[in-house]
Amino acid sequence: MATSSHLGPGSWRIVLEATQARLTTSGRGGVRLRYAPRVGGSFYLRPDTTLAGFALRLPLPAELLWESADLDRDGHAWLRLGDREVRSPVTVVCAAIPGARPYVKIVLETVFRSSSLGLPGVSWPRPVTLRLFTEIRPAGSG
């Protein structure tokens, strides 16, 4: 994707129908889907289409905030639920997909302990995986 295609504010749009967030827990019974919420927020791209950061809201019973300001330097993100917060490593895949209608595919993943945020519906401390898939396209593309 040419760098000129994403200059200026508001030049990208999140493709909501291609966006999915999954919050899963792991335990003796295997992997269990806890939530598949809608997502709101922003992604921050560098001119070469690498992901610089993000600020996302996931509406669980309480709003979960997931954000990172400088992924390529830090590699961590903050998760906040109510008055609790945790910092955890985040894995990022951000790829420019060429074609007649080019777009950027973004996959984010982090793992944290359920007890660190006091997640509703999780009765004892377990690993929780939060994974987000989305696409962003230049504004004006179909």
N, C-alpha and C. Protein backbone atom coordinates (compact mmCIF):
# COMPACT_ATOMS: atom_id res chain seq x y z
N MET A 1 0.85 -1.16 0.00
CA MET A 1 0.00 0.00 0.00
C MET A 1 0.90 1.23 0.00
N ALA A 2 0.66 2.16 -0.85
CA ALA A 2 1.48 3.36 -0.95
C ALA A 2 1.27 4.23 0.29
N THR A 3 2.34 4.87 0.75
CA THR A 3 2.22 5.69 1.95
C THR A 3 1.29 6.87 1.73
N SER A 4 1.15 7.36 0.52
CA SER A 4 0.28 8.51 0.27
C SER A 4 -1.19 8.17 0.51
N SER A 5 -1.55 6.89 0.56
CA SER A 5 -2.94 6.51 0.72
C SER A 5 -3.44 6.69 2.14
N HIS A 6 -2.56 6.97 3.09
CA HIS A 6 -3.06 7.15 4.44
C HIS A 6 -2.47 8.37 5.14
N LEU A 7 -2.42 9.46 4.39
CA LEU A 7 -2.02 10.72 4.98
C LEU A 7 -3.26 11.47 5.43
N GLY A 8 -3.14 12.18 6.52
CA GLY A 8 -4.24 13.02 6.98
C GLY A 8 -5.18 12.31 7.94
N PRO A 9 -5.78 13.10 8.83
CA PRO A 9 -6.71 12.52 9.80
C PRO A 9 -7.98 12.02 9.13
N GLY A 10 -8.52 10.95 9.67
CA GLY A 10 -9.77 10.43 9.16
C GLY A 10 -9.66 9.73 7.83
N SER A 11 -8.45 9.35 7.43
CA SER A 11 -8.29 8.73 6.12
C SER A 11 -8.49 7.22 6.15
N TRP A 12 -8.76 6.65 7.31
CA TRP A 12 -9.01 5.22 7.45
C TRP A 12 -10.35 5.01 8.13
N ARG A 13 -10.97 3.88 7.88
CA ARG A 13 -12.19 3.53 8.60
C ARG A 13 -12.09 2.08 9.04
N ILE A 14 -12.61 1.78 10.22
CA ILE A 14 -12.64 0.41 10.72
C ILE A 14 -13.82 -0.30 10.06
N VAL A 15 -13.58 -1.49 9.55
CA VAL A 15 -14.64 -2.29 8.93
C VAL A 15 -15.32 -3.09 10.05
N LEU A 16 -16.43 -2.56 10.53
CA LEU A 16 -17.10 -3.15 11.69
C LEU A 16 -17.56 -4.58 11.44
N GLU A 17 -18.03 -4.87 10.24
CA GLU A 17 -18.49 -6.23 9.96
C GLU A 17 -17.34 -7.24 9.92
N ALA A 18 -16.10 -6.77 9.85
CA ALA A 18 -14.93 -7.66 9.86
C ALA A 18 -14.21 -7.61 11.21
N THR A 19 -14.85 -7.03 12.23
CA THR A 19 -14.23 -6.87 13.54
C THR A 19 -14.86 -7.85 14.53
N GLN A 20 -13.99 -8.55 15.25
CA GLN A 20 -14.47 -9.50 16.25
C GLN A 20 -13.49 -9.51 17.42
N ALA A 21 -14.03 -9.45 18.63
CA ALA A 21 -13.22 -9.59 19.83
C ALA A 21 -13.68 -10.84 20.56
N ARG A 22 -12.70 -11.62 21.03
CA ARG A 22 -13.02 -12.86 21.77
C ARG A 22 -12.26 -12.86 23.08
N LEU A 23 -12.98 -13.09 24.14
CA LEU A 23 -12.40 -13.20 25.46
C LEU A 23 -12.64 -14.64 25.90
N THR A 24 -11.56 -15.42 26.05
CA THR A 24 -11.69 -16.82 26.40
C THR A 24 -10.90 -17.13 27.67
N THR A 25 -11.37 -18.15 28.39
CA THR A 25 -10.63 -18.64 29.56
C THR A 25 -10.21 -20.07 29.30
N SER A 26 -9.13 -20.46 29.93
CA SER A 26 -8.62 -21.82 29.81
C SER A 26 -8.69 -22.49 31.18
N GLY A 27 -9.11 -23.73 31.18
CA GLY A 27 -9.18 -24.47 32.43
C GLY A 27 -9.22 -25.97 32.15
N ARG A 28 -9.62 -26.72 33.15
CA ARG A 28 -9.67 -28.17 33.01
C ARG A 28 -10.63 -28.61 31.91
N GLY A 29 -11.69 -27.86 31.70
CA GLY A 29 -12.68 -28.20 30.68
C GLY A 29 -12.30 -27.73 29.28
N GLY A 30 -11.11 -27.18 29.12
CA GLY A 30 -10.67 -26.66 27.82
C GLY A 30 -10.89 -25.16 27.72
N VAL A 31 -10.98 -24.68 26.50
CA VAL A 31 -11.14 -23.25 26.25
C VAL A 31 -12.62 -22.92 26.22
N ARG A 32 -13.00 -21.84 26.89
CA ARG A 32 -14.41 -21.44 26.95
C ARG A 32 -14.55 -19.98 26.56
N LEU A 33 -15.45 -19.71 25.62
CA LEU A 33 -15.72 -18.34 25.19
C LEU A 33 -16.50 -17.64 26.29
N ARG A 34 -15.99 -16.51 26.75
CA ARG A 34 -16.65 -15.76 27.81
C ARG A 34 -17.47 -14.61 27.23
N TYR A 35 -16.92 -13.88 26.29
CA TYR A 35 -17.59 -12.73 25.70
C TYR A 35 -17.16 -12.60 24.24
N ALA A 36 -18.03 -12.09 23.44
CA ALA A 36 -17.69 -11.71 22.07
C ALA A 36 -18.29 -10.33 21.84
N PRO A 37 -17.75 -9.33 22.53
CA PRO A 37 -18.37 -8.00 22.50
C PRO A 37 -18.07 -7.21 21.23
N ARG A 38 -18.88 -6.22 21.04
CA ARG A 38 -18.58 -5.22 19.99
C ARG A 38 -17.41 -4.40 20.47
N VAL A 39 -16.76 -3.75 19.54
CA VAL A 39 -15.56 -2.99 19.87
C VAL A 39 -15.72 -1.57 19.34
N GLY A 40 -15.28 -0.60 20.13
CA GLY A 40 -15.22 0.78 19.68
C GLY A 40 -13.84 1.31 20.00
N GLY A 41 -13.42 2.35 19.32
CA GLY A 41 -12.14 2.95 19.64
C GLY A 41 -11.36 3.36 18.42
N SER A 42 -10.04 3.39 18.57
CA SER A 42 -9.15 3.91 17.53
C SER A 42 -7.89 3.07 17.41
N PHE A 43 -7.34 3.05 16.19
CA PHE A 43 -6.03 2.49 15.92
C PHE A 43 -5.15 3.61 15.41
N TYR A 44 -3.87 3.55 15.74
CA TYR A 44 -2.93 4.57 15.30
C TYR A 44 -1.87 3.90 14.44
N LEU A 45 -1.82 4.28 13.16
CA LEU A 45 -0.88 3.69 12.21
C LEU A 45 0.26 4.64 11.90
N ARG A 46 1.41 4.07 11.64
CA ARG A 46 2.54 4.84 11.13
C ARG A 46 2.40 4.89 9.60
N PRO A 47 3.11 5.78 8.93
CA PRO A 47 3.01 5.88 7.46
C PRO A 47 3.32 4.59 6.71
N ASP A 48 4.09 3.68 7.30
CA ASP A 48 4.40 2.41 6.61
C ASP A 48 3.37 1.32 6.94
N THR A 49 2.24 1.68 7.52
CA THR A 49 1.11 0.83 7.92
C THR A 49 1.41 -0.05 9.13
N THR A 50 2.51 0.17 9.86
CA THR A 50 2.69 -0.55 11.10
C THR A 50 1.81 0.08 12.17
N LEU A 51 1.36 -0.74 13.09
CA LEU A 51 0.47 -0.28 14.14
C LEU A 51 1.29 0.37 15.25
N ALA A 52 1.04 1.64 15.49
CA ALA A 52 1.75 2.37 16.53
C ALA A 52 1.07 2.19 17.89
N GLY A 53 -0.25 2.13 17.90
CA GLY A 53 -0.97 2.01 19.15
C GLY A 53 -2.46 1.86 18.92
N PHE A 54 -3.20 1.76 20.02
CA PHE A 54 -4.64 1.63 19.93
C PHE A 54 -5.28 2.02 21.25
N ALA A 55 -6.54 2.36 21.21
CA ALA A 55 -7.36 2.63 22.39
C ALA A 55 -8.73 2.05 22.07
N LEU A 56 -9.07 0.93 22.72
CA LEU A 56 -10.29 0.20 22.40
C LEU A 56 -11.19 0.07 23.63
N ARG A 57 -12.49 0.06 23.38
CA ARG A 57 -13.49 -0.14 24.43
C ARG A 57 -14.29 -1.39 24.09
N LEU A 58 -14.40 -2.29 25.05
CA LEU A 58 -15.19 -3.51 24.87
C LEU A 58 -16.29 -3.50 25.93
N PRO A 59 -17.55 -3.42 25.52
CA PRO A 59 -18.64 -3.35 26.49
C PRO A 59 -18.97 -4.72 27.07
N LEU A 60 -18.38 -5.02 28.20
CA LEU A 60 -18.70 -6.21 28.98
C LEU A 60 -19.77 -5.77 29.98
N PRO A 61 -20.06 -6.52 31.03
CA PRO A 61 -20.96 -5.96 32.05
C PRO A 61 -20.47 -4.60 32.54
N ALA A 62 -19.17 -4.39 32.58
CA ALA A 62 -18.56 -3.07 32.78
C ALA A 62 -17.66 -2.85 31.57
N GLU A 63 -17.32 -1.60 31.28
CA GLU A 63 -16.52 -1.33 30.09
C GLU A 63 -15.06 -1.68 30.32
N LEU A 64 -14.51 -2.53 29.45
CA LEU A 64 -13.10 -2.90 29.48
C LEU A 64 -12.36 -2.00 28.51
N LEU A 65 -11.35 -1.31 29.00
CA LEU A 65 -10.50 -0.46 28.16
C LEU A 65 -9.20 -1.20 27.91
N TRP A 66 -8.76 -1.21 26.65
CA TRP A 66 -7.52 -1.89 26.26
C TRP A 66 -6.76 -0.90 25.42
N GLU A 67 -5.56 -0.50 25.88
CA GLU A 67 -4.84 0.53 25.14
C GLU A 67 -3.33 0.42 25.26
N SER A 68 -2.69 0.91 24.23
CA SER A 68 -1.24 1.00 24.18
C SER A 68 -0.88 2.19 23.31
N ALA A 69 0.08 2.97 23.76
CA ALA A 69 0.44 4.18 23.02
C ALA A 69 1.60 3.98 22.06
N ASP A 70 2.49 3.04 22.35
CA ASP A 70 3.69 2.91 21.53
C ASP A 70 4.11 1.44 21.46
N LEU A 71 3.39 0.65 20.68
CA LEU A 71 3.59 -0.79 20.62
C LEU A 71 4.98 -1.21 20.19
N ASP A 72 5.55 -0.53 19.19
CA ASP A 72 6.84 -0.99 18.68
C ASP A 72 7.99 -0.74 19.66
N ARG A 73 7.82 0.14 20.61
CA ARG A 73 8.85 0.37 21.62
C ARG A 73 8.60 -0.44 22.88
N ASP A 74 7.32 -0.61 23.24
CA ASP A 74 6.98 -1.20 24.53
C ASP A 74 6.50 -2.64 24.43
N GLY A 75 5.63 -2.96 23.48
CA GLY A 75 5.12 -4.31 23.33
C GLY A 75 4.12 -4.74 24.40
N HIS A 76 3.63 -3.78 25.18
CA HIS A 76 2.66 -4.06 26.24
C HIS A 76 1.43 -3.17 26.07
N ALA A 77 0.35 -3.58 26.70
CA ALA A 77 -0.87 -2.79 26.69
C ALA A 77 -1.48 -2.80 28.09
N TRP A 78 -2.29 -1.79 28.36
CA TRP A 78 -3.01 -1.70 29.63
C TRP A 78 -4.43 -2.17 29.42
N LEU A 79 -4.94 -2.93 30.36
CA LEU A 79 -6.35 -3.32 30.39
C LEU A 79 -6.92 -2.73 31.67
N ARG A 80 -8.07 -2.06 31.56
CA ARG A 80 -8.71 -1.45 32.72
C ARG A 80 -10.18 -1.85 32.76
N LEU A 81 -10.61 -2.30 33.93
CA LEU A 81 -12.01 -2.65 34.15
C LEU A 81 -12.39 -2.05 35.49
N GLY A 82 -13.24 -1.03 35.46
CA GLY A 82 -13.58 -0.32 36.69
C GLY A 82 -12.33 0.34 37.27
N ASP A 83 -12.06 0.07 38.54
CA ASP A 83 -10.89 0.67 39.18
C ASP A 83 -9.67 -0.25 39.18
N ARG A 84 -9.76 -1.37 38.47
CA ARG A 84 -8.63 -2.31 38.39
C ARG A 84 -7.95 -2.18 37.04
N GLU A 85 -6.63 -2.41 37.04
CA GLU A 85 -5.90 -2.38 35.78
C GLU A 85 -4.73 -3.36 35.83
N VAL A 86 -4.34 -3.81 34.66
CA VAL A 86 -3.21 -4.72 34.53
C VAL A 86 -2.47 -4.37 33.25
N ARG A 87 -1.17 -4.54 33.27
CA ARG A 87 -0.33 -4.32 32.09
C ARG A 87 0.14 -5.69 31.63
N SER A 88 -0.05 -5.99 30.33
CA SER A 88 0.35 -7.31 29.84
C SER A 88 0.94 -7.20 28.44
N PRO A 89 1.79 -8.15 28.07
CA PRO A 89 2.36 -8.15 26.72
C PRO A 89 1.26 -8.32 25.69
N VAL A 90 1.44 -7.70 24.56
CA VAL A 90 0.47 -7.82 23.47
C VAL A 90 1.19 -8.26 22.20
N THR A 91 0.61 -9.25 21.53
CA THR A 91 1.13 -9.72 20.25
C THR A 91 0.36 -9.02 19.15
N VAL A 92 1.08 -8.54 18.15
CA VAL A 92 0.46 -7.75 17.07
C VAL A 92 0.82 -8.33 15.72
N VAL A 93 -0.21 -8.51 14.89
CA VAL A 93 0.00 -8.79 13.48
C VAL A 93 -0.72 -7.68 12.74
N CYS A 94 0.01 -6.95 11.94
CA CYS A 94 -0.54 -5.84 11.18
C CYS A 94 0.03 -5.97 9.77
N ALA A 95 -0.83 -6.30 8.82
CA ALA A 95 -0.35 -6.56 7.47
C ALA A 95 -1.14 -5.79 6.43
N ALA A 96 -0.43 -5.14 5.54
CA ALA A 96 -1.07 -4.46 4.41
C ALA A 96 -1.44 -5.52 3.38
N ILE A 97 -2.71 -5.56 3.00
CA ILE A 97 -3.21 -6.54 2.03
C ILE A 97 -3.45 -5.81 0.72
N PRO A 98 -2.65 -6.09 -0.31
CA PRO A 98 -2.80 -5.39 -1.59
C PRO A 98 -4.00 -5.92 -2.38
N GLY A 99 -4.31 -5.25 -3.44
CA GLY A 99 -5.39 -5.68 -4.32
C GLY A 99 -6.15 -4.50 -4.87
N ALA A 100 -7.27 -4.78 -5.51
CA ALA A 100 -8.10 -3.71 -6.07
C ALA A 100 -8.61 -2.78 -4.97
N ARG A 101 -8.92 -3.36 -3.82
CA ARG A 101 -9.33 -2.57 -2.66
C ARG A 101 -8.43 -2.93 -1.49
N PRO A 102 -7.24 -2.32 -1.42
CA PRO A 102 -6.28 -2.69 -0.37
C PRO A 102 -6.81 -2.33 1.02
N TYR A 103 -6.34 -3.08 2.01
CA TYR A 103 -6.72 -2.82 3.40
C TYR A 103 -5.60 -3.27 4.31
N VAL A 104 -5.74 -2.97 5.59
CA VAL A 104 -4.78 -3.41 6.60
C VAL A 104 -5.52 -4.35 7.54
N LYS A 105 -4.98 -5.56 7.70
CA LYS A 105 -5.52 -6.56 8.61
C LYS A 105 -4.77 -6.42 9.94
N ILE A 106 -5.53 -6.36 11.04
CA ILE A 106 -4.93 -6.21 12.37
C ILE A 106 -5.42 -7.35 13.26
N VAL A 107 -4.48 -8.02 13.92
CA VAL A 107 -4.82 -9.03 14.92
C VAL A 107 -4.02 -8.68 16.18
N LEU A 108 -4.72 -8.53 17.30
CA LEU A 108 -4.09 -8.24 18.59
C LEU A 108 -4.43 -9.37 19.55
N GLU A 109 -3.48 -9.73 20.41
CA GLU A 109 -3.75 -10.76 21.41
C GLU A 109 -2.96 -10.47 22.67
N THR A 110 -3.60 -10.69 23.81
CA THR A 110 -2.94 -10.58 25.10
C THR A 110 -3.50 -11.65 26.03
N VAL A 111 -2.70 -12.05 27.00
CA VAL A 111 -3.12 -13.03 28.00
C VAL A 111 -2.84 -12.42 29.37
N PHE A 112 -3.83 -12.55 30.28
CA PHE A 112 -3.68 -12.01 31.64
C PHE A 112 -4.45 -12.91 32.60
N ARG A 113 -4.24 -12.71 33.91
CA ARG A 113 -4.94 -13.50 34.93
C ARG A 113 -6.31 -12.87 35.20
N SER A 114 -7.34 -13.69 35.29
CA SER A 114 -8.70 -13.19 35.53
C SER A 114 -8.80 -12.41 36.83
N SER A 115 -8.05 -12.83 37.83
CA SER A 115 -8.11 -12.17 39.14
C SER A 115 -7.56 -10.75 39.11
N SER A 116 -6.70 -10.44 38.15
CA SER A 116 -6.11 -9.10 38.10
C SER A 116 -7.14 -8.03 37.76
N LEU A 117 -8.22 -8.40 37.06
CA LEU A 117 -9.27 -7.44 36.73
C LEU A 117 -10.60 -7.74 37.42
N GLY A 118 -10.70 -8.88 38.09
CA GLY A 118 -11.95 -9.25 38.73
C GLY A 118 -13.08 -9.44 37.71
N LEU A 119 -12.78 -10.18 36.65
CA LEU A 119 -13.77 -10.38 35.59
C LEU A 119 -15.03 -11.05 36.10
N PRO A 120 -16.19 -10.51 35.77
CA PRO A 120 -17.43 -11.14 36.18
C PRO A 120 -17.63 -12.49 35.49
N GLY A 121 -18.15 -13.46 36.22
CA GLY A 121 -18.41 -14.77 35.64
C GLY A 121 -17.24 -15.72 35.67
N VAL A 122 -16.09 -15.30 36.16
CA VAL A 122 -14.92 -16.17 36.26
C VAL A 122 -14.66 -16.37 37.75
N SER A 123 -14.94 -17.59 38.25
CA SER A 123 -14.97 -17.81 39.69
C SER A 123 -13.61 -17.97 40.35
N TRP A 124 -12.58 -18.38 39.66
CA TRP A 124 -11.26 -18.48 40.28
C TRP A 124 -10.21 -18.03 39.28
N PRO A 125 -9.02 -17.71 39.78
CA PRO A 125 -7.99 -17.19 38.87
C PRO A 125 -7.67 -18.16 37.74
N ARG A 126 -7.76 -17.67 36.53
CA ARG A 126 -7.42 -18.45 35.34
C ARG A 126 -6.80 -17.53 34.31
N PRO A 127 -6.06 -18.12 33.39
CA PRO A 127 -5.56 -17.31 32.27
C PRO A 127 -6.73 -16.90 31.37
N VAL A 128 -6.72 -15.65 30.94
CA VAL A 128 -7.73 -15.12 30.02
C VAL A 128 -7.00 -14.64 28.78
N THR A 129 -7.52 -15.01 27.61
CA THR A 129 -6.95 -14.55 26.35
C THR A 129 -7.94 -13.59 25.72
N LEU A 130 -7.46 -12.42 25.37
CA LEU A 130 -8.26 -11.43 24.64
C LEU A 130 -7.65 -11.33 23.26
N ARG A 131 -8.47 -11.61 22.23
CA ARG A 131 -7.99 -11.59 20.85
C ARG A 131 -8.95 -10.73 20.03
N LEU A 132 -8.39 -9.84 19.23
CA LEU A 132 -9.18 -8.97 18.38
C LEU A 132 -8.72 -9.12 16.94
N PHE A 133 -9.69 -9.26 16.04
CA PHE A 133 -9.43 -9.30 14.59
C PHE A 133 -10.18 -8.12 13.99
N THR A 134 -9.54 -7.39 13.11
CA THR A 134 -10.25 -6.31 12.41
C THR A 134 -9.56 -5.98 11.10
N GLU A 135 -10.24 -5.19 10.29
CA GLU A 135 -9.68 -4.66 9.06
C GLU A 135 -9.93 -3.16 9.06
N ILE A 136 -8.96 -2.44 8.54
CA ILE A 136 -9.19 -1.01 8.32
C ILE A 136 -8.90 -0.75 6.84
N ARG A 137 -9.71 0.12 6.28
CA ARG A 137 -9.63 0.43 4.85
C ARG A 137 -9.53 1.94 4.68
N PRO A 138 -8.93 2.38 3.57
CA PRO A 138 -8.91 3.81 3.31
C PRO A 138 -10.34 4.33 3.22
N ALA A 139 -10.58 5.51 3.78
CA ALA A 139 -11.90 6.12 3.72
C ALA A 139 -12.28 6.28 2.25
N GLY A 140 -13.53 6.04 1.96
CA GLY A 140 -14.00 6.16 0.58
C GLY A 140 -13.94 4.87 -0.20
N SER A 141 -13.25 3.83 0.35
CA SER A 141 -13.25 2.54 -0.35
C SER A 141 -14.51 1.79 0.05
N GLY A 142 -14.98 0.90 -0.81
CA GLY A 142 -16.24 0.18 -0.57
C GLY A 142 -16.16 -0.89 0.45
